[in-house]
Each structure stands twice: as C-alpha cells, then as structure tokens.
Amino acid sequence: MRKLLIALAAAVVVVPAFAADTSDPGSYVCLSEHAIGFRLGRDGKWAPSQFSAQGKKYLLEKKGARWLWTEVGPPDARPESCDAFTDGFAECKYSEGDVLFNRKTLRFQLVRRYGYVTSDVATDKESNNAPPYMMIGKCSAQ
C-alpha cells in the first residue's frame, strides 16, 4: 500500500510538469538569417541571387483567437493572419508570400512566390524590386 501511495504522489508531481510544457507563450520574435532567390539583372535576364536578410525581424503573436505575422520596422507593415497551430506548425498566407513556423524547432521559412511569373520583364521594371525569394530564420518565445 505504501508503494502505491508513493507512486500516486509521484504521478501527481509529474503530470503538472508535462502540462506546463504545452503552455503557449503567446508571441515569438523571429530573426532572419539567410535569403536566396532570383533577381532581374541589368541585362534583363533572371539569375540566382543572395539577398541581404540580416536584421529583418518579425513578430508572430496571438491576438484573441488569431495568430498574426508582422514585419517589425516598416511603418506601413500590417499584420497578416495565420492559421491556428496544427501539429506544431502555423502557416500564414498573404499577398506577398507564405510563412511556415515550427513551434518545436522555433524556425521559420518565408517564401515570396511572386515576381518572376507575375511580371512582364519588357514592361515591368518593378519586378526587380520584388523578386521571388526564400528566407529562413530562428525565433524565440516571448
């Protein structure tokens, strides 16, 4: 009987510890590390390119029942809505691209899909300002 009581007491102590691990911090600060993609050259041809991603900061935060992804810094940055977490992942889709965030690894990847297929190189020189790219980075819970 004494062994059973000790086992039950240990279980009561262990269960809350596991429950605490599933608590959500409510926000994450994400810093970019690398970005690669394609850029329109002066010769009018597209070529692979590395982009300066250092210092770009993003915030993933819960507001009410919704998760929002926002770039920190630009005065015109607006929050983009994200799906709820499923199997540790949150996905944000918006006009500029897609973001996939992993709550377990605290990593994100941002993919800007548009630029190459949506612009006519002969008539649209703005495509050089918004080329397709993929960015990766790490986040920390706040």
C-alpha atoms as a PDB file:
ATOM      1  CA  MET A   1       0.000   0.000   0.000  1.00  0.00           C
ATOM      2  CA  ARG A   2       2.809   2.367   0.848  1.00  0.00           C
ATOM      3  CA  LYS A   3       4.431   1.789  -2.575  1.00  0.00           C
ATOM      4  CA  LEU A   4       1.107   2.561  -4.280  1.00  0.00           C
ATOM      5  CA  LEU A   5       0.790   5.874  -2.392  1.00  0.00           C
ATOM      6  CA  ILE A   6       4.362   6.839  -3.334  1.00  0.00           C
ATOM      7  CA  ALA A   7       3.665   6.007  -6.990  1.00  0.00           C
ATOM      8  CA  LEU A   8       0.467   8.086  -6.954  1.00  0.00           C
ATOM      9  CA  ALA A   9       2.248  11.017  -5.310  1.00  0.00           C
ATOM     10  CA  ALA A  10       4.990  10.860  -7.956  1.00  0.00           C
ATOM     11  CA  ALA A  11       2.383  10.796 -10.739  1.00  0.00           C
ATOM     12  CA  VAL A  12       0.675  13.880  -9.315  1.00  0.00           C
ATOM     13  CA  VAL A  13       4.004  15.742  -9.379  1.00  0.00           C
ATOM     14  CA  VAL A  14       4.962  14.606 -12.909  1.00  0.00           C
ATOM     15  CA  VAL A  15       1.636  15.328 -14.665  1.00  0.00           C
ATOM     16  CA  PRO A  16       1.642  19.107 -13.983  1.00  0.00           C
ATOM     17  CA  ALA A  17       5.229  19.305 -15.282  1.00  0.00           C
ATOM     18  CA  PHE A  18       4.112  17.860 -18.635  1.00  0.00           C
ATOM     19  CA  ALA A  19       1.111  20.165 -18.733  1.00  0.00           C
ATOM     20  CA  ALA A  20       3.359  23.199 -18.226  1.00  0.00           C
ATOM     21  CA  ASP A  21       5.405  22.283 -21.335  1.00  0.00           C
ATOM     22  CA  THR A  22       2.359  22.650 -23.577  1.00  0.00           C
ATOM     23  CA  SER A  23       1.609  26.206 -22.462  1.00  0.00           C
ATOM     24  CA  ASP A  24       1.882  28.748 -25.226  1.00  0.00           C
ATOM     25  CA  PRO A  25       3.943  31.900 -24.709  1.00  0.00           C
ATOM     26  CA  GLY A  26       1.559  33.919 -26.897  1.00  0.00           C
ATOM     27  CA  SER A  27       4.258  35.543 -29.038  1.00  0.00           C
ATOM     28  CA  TYR A  28       7.528  34.831 -30.812  1.00  0.00           C
ATOM     29  CA  VAL A  29      10.206  37.200 -32.120  1.00  0.00           C
ATOM     30  CA  CYS A  30      11.796  35.905 -35.313  1.00  0.00           C
ATOM     31  CA  LEU A  31      15.104  37.000 -36.863  1.00  0.00           C
ATOM     32  CA  SER A  32      16.060  36.217 -40.428  1.00  0.00           C
ATOM     33  CA  GLU A  33      19.358  34.504 -41.176  1.00  0.00           C
ATOM     34  CA  HIS A  34      19.610  33.872 -44.924  1.00  0.00           C
ATOM     35  CA  ALA A  35      17.659  34.604 -48.103  1.00  0.00           C
ATOM     36  CA  ILE A  36      18.156  33.338 -51.635  1.00  0.00           C
ATOM     37  CA  GLY A  37      16.144  33.752 -54.788  1.00  0.00           C
ATOM     38  CA  PHE A  38      16.222  35.259 -58.255  1.00  0.00           C
ATOM     39  CA  ARG A  39      16.884  38.808 -59.388  1.00  0.00           C
ATOM     40  CA  LEU A  40      16.472  40.578 -62.695  1.00  0.00           C
ATOM     41  CA  GLY A  41      19.899  41.653 -63.930  1.00  0.00           C
ATOM     42  CA  ARG A  42      20.813  44.794 -65.847  1.00  0.00           C
ATOM     43  CA  ASP A  43      20.888  42.665 -68.973  1.00  0.00           C
ATOM     44  CA  GLY A  44      17.172  41.871 -68.495  1.00  0.00           C
ATOM     45  CA  LYS A  45      17.815  38.212 -67.575  1.00  0.00           C
ATOM     46  CA  TRP A  46      16.872  36.494 -64.359  1.00  0.00           C
ATOM     47  CA  ALA A  47      19.676  34.911 -62.323  1.00  0.00           C
ATOM     48  CA  PRO A  48      20.120  33.285 -58.889  1.00  0.00           C
ATOM     49  CA  SER A  49      20.952  35.743 -56.145  1.00  0.00           C
ATOM     50  CA  GLN A  50      21.608  36.027 -52.423  1.00  0.00           C
ATOM     51  CA  PHE A  51      19.670  38.712 -50.600  1.00  0.00           C
ATOM     52  CA  SER A  52      20.620  40.679 -47.516  1.00  0.00           C
ATOM     53  CA  ALA A  53      18.395  39.208 -44.835  1.00  0.00           C
ATOM     54  CA  GLN A  54      20.400  40.187 -41.781  1.00  0.00           C
ATOM     55  CA  GLY A  55      18.466  42.264 -39.322  1.00  0.00           C
ATOM     56  CA  LYS A  56      14.963  41.580 -40.629  1.00  0.00           C
ATOM     57  CA  LYS A  57      12.733  40.986 -37.640  1.00  0.00           C
ATOM     58  CA  TYR A  58       9.230  39.540 -37.467  1.00  0.00           C
ATOM     59  CA  LEU A  59       6.667  39.049 -34.743  1.00  0.00           C
ATOM     60  CA  LEU A  60       4.263  36.118 -34.520  1.00  0.00           C
ATOM     61  CA  GLU A  61       1.715  36.895 -31.830  1.00  0.00           C
ATOM     62  CA  LYS A  62      -1.673  35.758 -30.663  1.00  0.00           C
ATOM     63  CA  LYS A  63      -4.377  38.423 -30.595  1.00  0.00           C
ATOM     64  CA  GLY A  64      -7.603  36.994 -29.248  1.00  0.00           C
ATOM     65  CA  ALA A  65      -8.146  33.707 -31.068  1.00  0.00           C
ATOM     66  CA  ARG A  66      -5.981  34.613 -34.084  1.00  0.00           C
ATOM     67  CA  TRP A  67      -2.252  34.393 -34.750  1.00  0.00           C
ATOM     68  CA  LEU A  68      -0.700  37.327 -36.642  1.00  0.00           C
ATOM     69  CA  TRP A  69       2.631  37.632 -38.512  1.00  0.00           C
ATOM     70  CA  THR A  70       4.103  41.144 -38.782  1.00  0.00           C
ATOM     71  CA  GLU A  71       7.401  42.516 -40.064  1.00  0.00           C
ATOM     72  CA  VAL A  72       8.916  44.770 -37.399  1.00  0.00           C
ATOM     73  CA  GLY A  73      10.230  48.134 -38.523  1.00  0.00           C
ATOM     74  CA  PRO A  74       8.466  49.339 -41.661  1.00  0.00           C
ATOM     75  CA  PRO A  75       5.845  51.960 -40.718  1.00  0.00           C
ATOM     76  CA  ASP A  76       3.399  50.534 -43.281  1.00  0.00           C
ATOM     77  CA  ALA A  77       3.763  46.907 -42.109  1.00  0.00           C
ATOM     78  CA  ARG A  78       0.408  45.344 -41.419  1.00  0.00           C
ATOM     79  CA  PRO A  79      -0.289  42.136 -39.531  1.00  0.00           C
ATOM     80  CA  GLU A  80      -1.101  39.106 -41.666  1.00  0.00           C
ATOM     81  CA  SER A  81      -3.463  36.429 -40.381  1.00  0.00           C
ATOM     82  CA  CYS A  82      -2.172  32.900 -39.750  1.00  0.00           C
ATOM     83  CA  ASP A  83      -3.823  29.538 -39.305  1.00  0.00           C
ATOM     84  CA  ALA A  84      -4.023  28.023 -35.837  1.00  0.00           C
ATOM     85  CA  PHE A  85      -1.195  25.688 -34.864  1.00  0.00           C
ATOM     86  CA  THR A  86      -1.568  22.166 -36.259  1.00  0.00           C
ATOM     87  CA  ASP A  87       0.972  19.515 -35.205  1.00  0.00           C
ATOM     88  CA  GLY A  88       3.309  22.271 -34.005  1.00  0.00           C
ATOM     89  CA  PHE A  89       3.150  24.300 -37.241  1.00  0.00           C
ATOM     90  CA  ALA A  90       1.494  27.619 -38.033  1.00  0.00           C
ATOM     91  CA  GLU A  91       1.073  28.729 -41.620  1.00  0.00           C
ATOM     92  CA  CYS A  92       0.498  32.298 -42.775  1.00  0.00           C
ATOM     93  CA  LYS A  93      -0.572  33.044 -46.345  1.00  0.00           C
ATOM     94  CA  TYR A  94      -0.806  36.565 -47.664  1.00  0.00           C
ATOM     95  CA  SER A  95      -0.303  38.628 -50.791  1.00  0.00           C
ATOM     96  CA  GLU A  96       3.491  38.756 -50.536  1.00  0.00           C
ATOM     97  CA  GLY A  97       4.060  35.078 -49.828  1.00  0.00           C
ATOM     98  CA  ASP A  98       3.815  32.252 -47.328  1.00  0.00           C
ATOM     99  CA  VAL A  99       5.317  31.758 -43.878  1.00  0.00           C
ATOM    100  CA  LEU A 100       5.698  28.396 -42.164  1.00  0.00           C
ATOM    101  CA  PHE A 101       6.649  28.401 -38.463  1.00  0.00           C
ATOM    102  CA  ASN A 102       7.588  25.359 -36.365  1.00  0.00           C
ATOM    103  CA  ARG A 103       6.886  25.780 -32.660  1.00  0.00           C
ATOM    104  CA  LYS A 104       9.169  22.854 -31.699  1.00  0.00           C
ATOM    105  CA  THR A 105      12.310  23.921 -33.595  1.00  0.00           C
ATOM    106  CA  LEU A 106      11.494  27.660 -33.367  1.00  0.00           C
ATOM    107  CA  ARG A 107      12.403  28.040 -37.057  1.00  0.00           C
ATOM    108  CA  PHE A 108      10.553  29.784 -39.849  1.00  0.00           C
ATOM    109  CA  GLN A 109      10.717  29.982 -43.605  1.00  0.00           C
ATOM    110  CA  LEU A 110       9.200  32.733 -45.664  1.00  0.00           C
ATOM    111  CA  VAL A 111       8.662  32.232 -49.385  1.00  0.00           C
ATOM    112  CA  ARG A 112       7.828  35.098 -51.707  1.00  0.00           C
ATOM    113  CA  ARG A 113       6.411  33.297 -54.717  1.00  0.00           C
ATOM    114  CA  TYR A 114       5.630  36.218 -56.979  1.00  0.00           C
ATOM    115  CA  GLY A 115       7.815  38.399 -59.171  1.00  0.00           C
ATOM    116  CA  TYR A 116       9.014  36.165 -61.978  1.00  0.00           C
ATOM    117  CA  VAL A 117       5.721  34.768 -63.258  1.00  0.00           C
ATOM    118  CA  THR A 118       3.625  37.825 -62.448  1.00  0.00           C
ATOM    119  CA  SER A 119       5.644  40.441 -64.321  1.00  0.00           C
ATOM    120  CA  ASP A 120       6.482  41.112 -67.910  1.00  0.00           C
ATOM    121  CA  VAL A 121      10.205  41.884 -67.912  1.00  0.00           C
ATOM    122  CA  ALA A 122       9.874  44.028 -71.020  1.00  0.00           C
ATOM    123  CA  THR A 123       7.282  46.353 -69.473  1.00  0.00           C
ATOM    124  CA  ASP A 124       7.549  45.994 -65.706  1.00  0.00           C
ATOM    125  CA  LYS A 125      10.849  47.140 -64.211  1.00  0.00           C
ATOM    126  CA  GLU A 126       9.326  46.980 -60.698  1.00  0.00           C
ATOM    127  CA  SER A 127       9.816  43.214 -60.690  1.00  0.00           C
ATOM    128  CA  ASN A 128      13.445  43.902 -59.758  1.00  0.00           C
ATOM    129  CA  ASN A 129      12.223  45.477 -56.509  1.00  0.00           C
ATOM    130  CA  ALA A 130      10.065  42.492 -55.557  1.00  0.00           C
ATOM    131  CA  PRO A 131      11.761  39.311 -56.809  1.00  0.00           C
ATOM    132  CA  PRO A 132      10.894  35.762 -55.744  1.00  0.00           C
ATOM    133  CA  TYR A 133      12.954  34.506 -52.785  1.00  0.00           C
ATOM    134  CA  MET A 134      13.051  32.188 -49.776  1.00  0.00           C
ATOM    135  CA  MET A 135      14.165  33.353 -46.335  1.00  0.00           C
ATOM    136  CA  ILE A 136      14.952  31.249 -43.270  1.00  0.00           C
ATOM    137  CA  GLY A 137      15.428  32.233 -39.663  1.00  0.00           C
ATOM    138  CA  LYS A 138      15.031  31.419 -35.979  1.00  0.00           C
ATOM    139  CA  CYS A 139      12.558  32.586 -33.376  1.00  0.00           C
ATOM    140  CA  SER A 140      12.420  32.895 -29.613  1.00  0.00           C
ATOM    141  CA  ALA A 141       9.396  32.747 -27.347  1.00  0.00           C
ATOM    142  CA  GLN A 142       8.436  35.978 -25.607  1.00  0.00           C
END
